[in-house]
Amino acid sequence: MGFEQEAVDELWRTAWCHRSDMQRELSRGAQGEMFAIRQLAHHGTMTPSQLAVALNATTGRVSTLLSAMEKKGLITREVDSNDRRVVLVNLTDEGRKRGQLDMQEARDAICWIFSQMGERRTREFVDLTREFMTYMSICRPGKPRPTPEEVRKAFEDGGSKS
């Protein structure tokens, strides 16, 4: 086994098999309120169907989620005046505050981790993560590996291709 296979095995063991409470909380957020709030904050008004696609969830799951969020005062649902069959979902001021608080708490936790790692190791980690994510943005399972030209272009573009 080459270093690449060993590295993949170690990455999987570290990242997926020994998940921290913080990772579990962030993953749970990707399935629910936190993710919906982030989507609405970023995209503005959305339909439940658009949220379902973004969440990779069923419309039934999203309907249940939106009902709970509406009861908490985080969102409003209104009928589209141009098409009464369409429901529009918006964040309330309380929903925006909740999103800002969630993001600040996550930032604070990660800043603490970086303070423990030290500046040099943190900068190396961020640089390596950026490089890794650039490669991830152009490499697809089951597809031909990127050409040297595609790799060069991805790095020139800052890895922004999704």
Protein backbone atom coordinates (compact mmCIF):
# COMPACT_ATOMS: atom_id res chain seq x y z
CA MET A 1 0.00 0.00 0.00
CA GLY A 2 1.38 3.39 -1.00
CA PHE A 3 1.37 6.51 1.17
CA GLU A 4 -1.76 7.69 -0.68
CA GLN A 5 -3.85 4.70 0.47
CA GLU A 6 -2.51 4.98 4.01
CA ALA A 7 -3.35 8.70 4.03
CA VAL A 8 -6.91 8.05 2.80
CA ASP A 9 -7.41 5.38 5.47
CA GLU A 10 -6.11 7.71 8.19
CA LEU A 11 -8.21 10.64 6.91
CA TRP A 12 -11.35 8.51 6.95
CA ARG A 13 -10.59 7.16 10.42
CA THR A 14 -9.91 10.65 11.72
CA ALA A 15 -12.67 12.58 9.99
CA TRP A 16 -15.53 10.11 9.86
CA CYS A 17 -14.98 7.39 12.45
CA HIS A 18 -13.97 9.56 15.42
CA ARG A 19 -16.38 12.43 15.07
CA SER A 20 -16.36 15.07 17.76
CA ASP A 21 -19.41 16.56 19.42
CA MET A 22 -18.78 19.72 17.34
CA GLN A 23 -18.78 17.71 14.09
CA ARG A 24 -22.01 15.94 15.11
CA GLU A 25 -23.64 19.27 15.96
CA LEU A 26 -22.59 20.80 12.62
CA SER A 27 -23.81 17.72 10.74
CA ARG A 28 -27.12 17.81 12.58
CA GLY A 29 -27.35 21.49 11.61
CA ALA A 30 -26.91 20.52 7.97
CA GLN A 31 -30.10 18.49 8.29
CA GLY A 32 -32.22 21.10 9.99
CA GLU A 33 -32.77 24.58 11.26
CA MET A 34 -29.18 25.80 11.13
CA PHE A 35 -28.81 24.80 7.48
CA ALA A 36 -32.21 26.24 6.49
CA ILE A 37 -31.33 29.52 8.22
CA ARG A 38 -27.98 29.67 6.41
CA GLN A 39 -29.67 28.96 3.06
CA LEU A 40 -32.32 31.64 3.59
CA ALA A 41 -29.75 34.15 4.84
CA HIS A 42 -27.58 33.53 1.77
CA HIS A 43 -30.26 33.20 -0.93
CA GLY A 44 -33.12 35.28 0.46
CA THR A 45 -36.67 34.18 -0.18
CA MET A 46 -36.98 30.52 -1.15
CA THR A 47 -39.75 28.03 -1.75
CA PRO A 48 -40.02 24.85 0.33
CA SER A 49 -39.07 22.87 -2.80
CA GLN A 50 -35.90 24.91 -3.24
CA LEU A 51 -35.02 24.29 0.41
CA ALA A 52 -35.67 20.57 -0.03
CA VAL A 53 -33.19 20.46 -2.92
CA ALA A 54 -30.59 22.43 -0.92
CA LEU A 55 -31.09 20.17 2.13
CA ASN A 56 -31.19 17.04 -0.01
CA ALA A 57 -34.37 16.19 1.89
CA THR A 58 -37.93 15.28 1.08
CA THR A 59 -40.56 18.00 0.82
CA GLY A 60 -42.33 16.30 3.74
CA ARG A 61 -39.24 16.62 5.93
CA VAL A 62 -38.87 20.27 4.93
CA SER A 63 -42.55 20.94 5.65
CA THR A 64 -42.12 19.53 9.18
CA LEU A 65 -38.94 21.56 9.65
CA LEU A 66 -40.58 24.78 8.45
CA SER A 67 -43.57 24.26 10.75
CA ALA A 68 -41.25 23.95 13.74
CA MET A 69 -39.25 26.99 12.65
CA GLU A 70 -42.41 29.04 12.13
CA LYS A 71 -43.63 28.16 15.65
CA LYS A 72 -40.29 29.40 17.01
CA GLY A 73 -40.63 32.67 15.08
CA LEU A 74 -37.58 32.01 12.90
CA ILE A 75 -39.35 32.13 9.52
CA THR A 76 -42.54 33.29 7.87
CA ARG A 77 -44.40 31.50 5.10
CA GLU A 78 -46.51 33.54 2.72
CA VAL A 79 -48.47 32.75 -0.41
CA ASP A 80 -46.94 34.28 -3.54
CA SER A 81 -49.25 37.06 -4.73
CA ASN A 82 -48.38 36.24 -8.37
CA ASP A 83 -49.03 32.51 -8.06
CA ARG A 84 -51.18 31.38 -5.15
CA ARG A 85 -49.88 27.81 -5.51
CA VAL A 86 -46.39 28.94 -4.43
CA VAL A 87 -45.35 29.42 -0.80
CA LEU A 88 -42.48 31.80 -0.08
CA VAL A 89 -40.26 31.28 2.97
CA ASN A 90 -38.41 34.20 4.58
CA LEU A 91 -36.31 34.64 7.68
CA THR A 92 -37.66 36.80 10.46
CA ASP A 93 -35.44 39.18 12.41
CA GLU A 94 -35.32 36.48 15.10
CA GLY A 95 -34.21 33.92 12.48
CA ARG A 96 -31.44 36.24 11.30
CA LYS A 97 -30.29 36.77 14.90
CA ARG A 98 -30.28 33.01 15.48
CA GLY A 99 -28.20 32.48 12.32
CA GLN A 100 -25.69 35.12 13.38
CA LEU A 101 -25.45 33.62 16.86
CA ASP A 102 -24.93 30.08 15.49
CA MET A 103 -22.22 31.30 13.13
CA GLN A 104 -20.48 33.29 15.86
CA GLU A 105 -20.49 30.29 18.20
CA ALA A 106 -18.96 28.10 15.47
CA ARG A 107 -16.34 30.77 14.68
CA ASP A 108 -15.45 31.12 18.36
CA ALA A 109 -14.99 27.36 18.73
CA ILE A 110 -12.79 27.13 15.63
CA CYS A 111 -10.75 30.18 16.73
CA TRP A 112 -10.09 28.41 20.03
CA ILE A 113 -8.90 25.31 18.15
CA PHE A 114 -6.58 27.46 16.03
CA SER A 115 -5.22 29.17 19.15
CA GLN A 116 -4.29 25.72 20.46
CA MET A 117 -2.60 24.78 17.17
CA GLY A 118 -0.58 28.01 16.98
CA GLU A 119 -0.23 30.45 14.10
CA ARG A 120 2.29 28.53 11.97
CA ARG A 121 0.40 25.22 12.07
CA THR A 122 -2.94 26.97 11.57
CA ARG A 123 -1.68 28.78 8.45
CA GLU A 124 -0.23 25.51 7.12
CA PHE A 125 -3.55 23.77 7.80
CA VAL A 126 -5.54 26.48 6.01
CA ASP A 127 -3.15 26.44 3.03
CA LEU A 128 -3.27 22.65 2.78
CA THR A 129 -7.05 22.64 3.14
CA ARG A 130 -7.34 25.20 0.33
CA GLU A 131 -5.10 23.05 -1.87
CA PHE A 132 -7.01 19.86 -0.99
CA MET A 133 -10.38 21.51 -1.72
CA THR A 134 -9.09 22.81 -5.07
CA TYR A 135 -8.21 19.26 -6.07
CA MET A 136 -11.60 18.06 -4.73
CA SER A 137 -13.37 20.66 -6.87
CA ILE A 138 -12.05 19.13 -10.10
CA CYS A 139 -11.77 15.41 -9.28
CA ARG A 140 -14.96 13.33 -9.54
CA PRO A 141 -15.33 9.65 -8.59
CA GLY A 142 -15.87 7.49 -11.65
CA LYS A 143 -14.64 10.20 -14.04
CA PRO A 144 -11.24 10.59 -15.70
CA ARG A 145 -8.70 12.35 -13.51
CA PRO A 146 -8.09 16.00 -14.37
CA THR A 147 -5.40 16.83 -16.87
CA PRO A 148 -2.39 18.94 -15.84
CA GLU A 149 -4.00 21.85 -17.72
CA GLU A 150 -7.26 21.47 -15.75
CA VAL A 151 -5.27 21.36 -12.50
CA ARG A 152 -3.29 24.48 -13.46
CA LYS A 153 -6.50 26.34 -14.39
CA ALA A 154 -8.21 25.30 -11.13
CA PHE A 155 -5.35 26.75 -9.10
CA GLU A 156 -5.28 29.92 -11.20
CA ASP A 157 -9.03 30.31 -10.63
CA GLY A 158 -8.60 29.76 -6.90
CA GLY A 159 -10.44 26.44 -6.91
CA SER A 160 -13.81 28.17 -7.22
CA LYS A 161 -15.25 25.61 -9.64
CA SER A 162 -17.96 23.51 -7.99
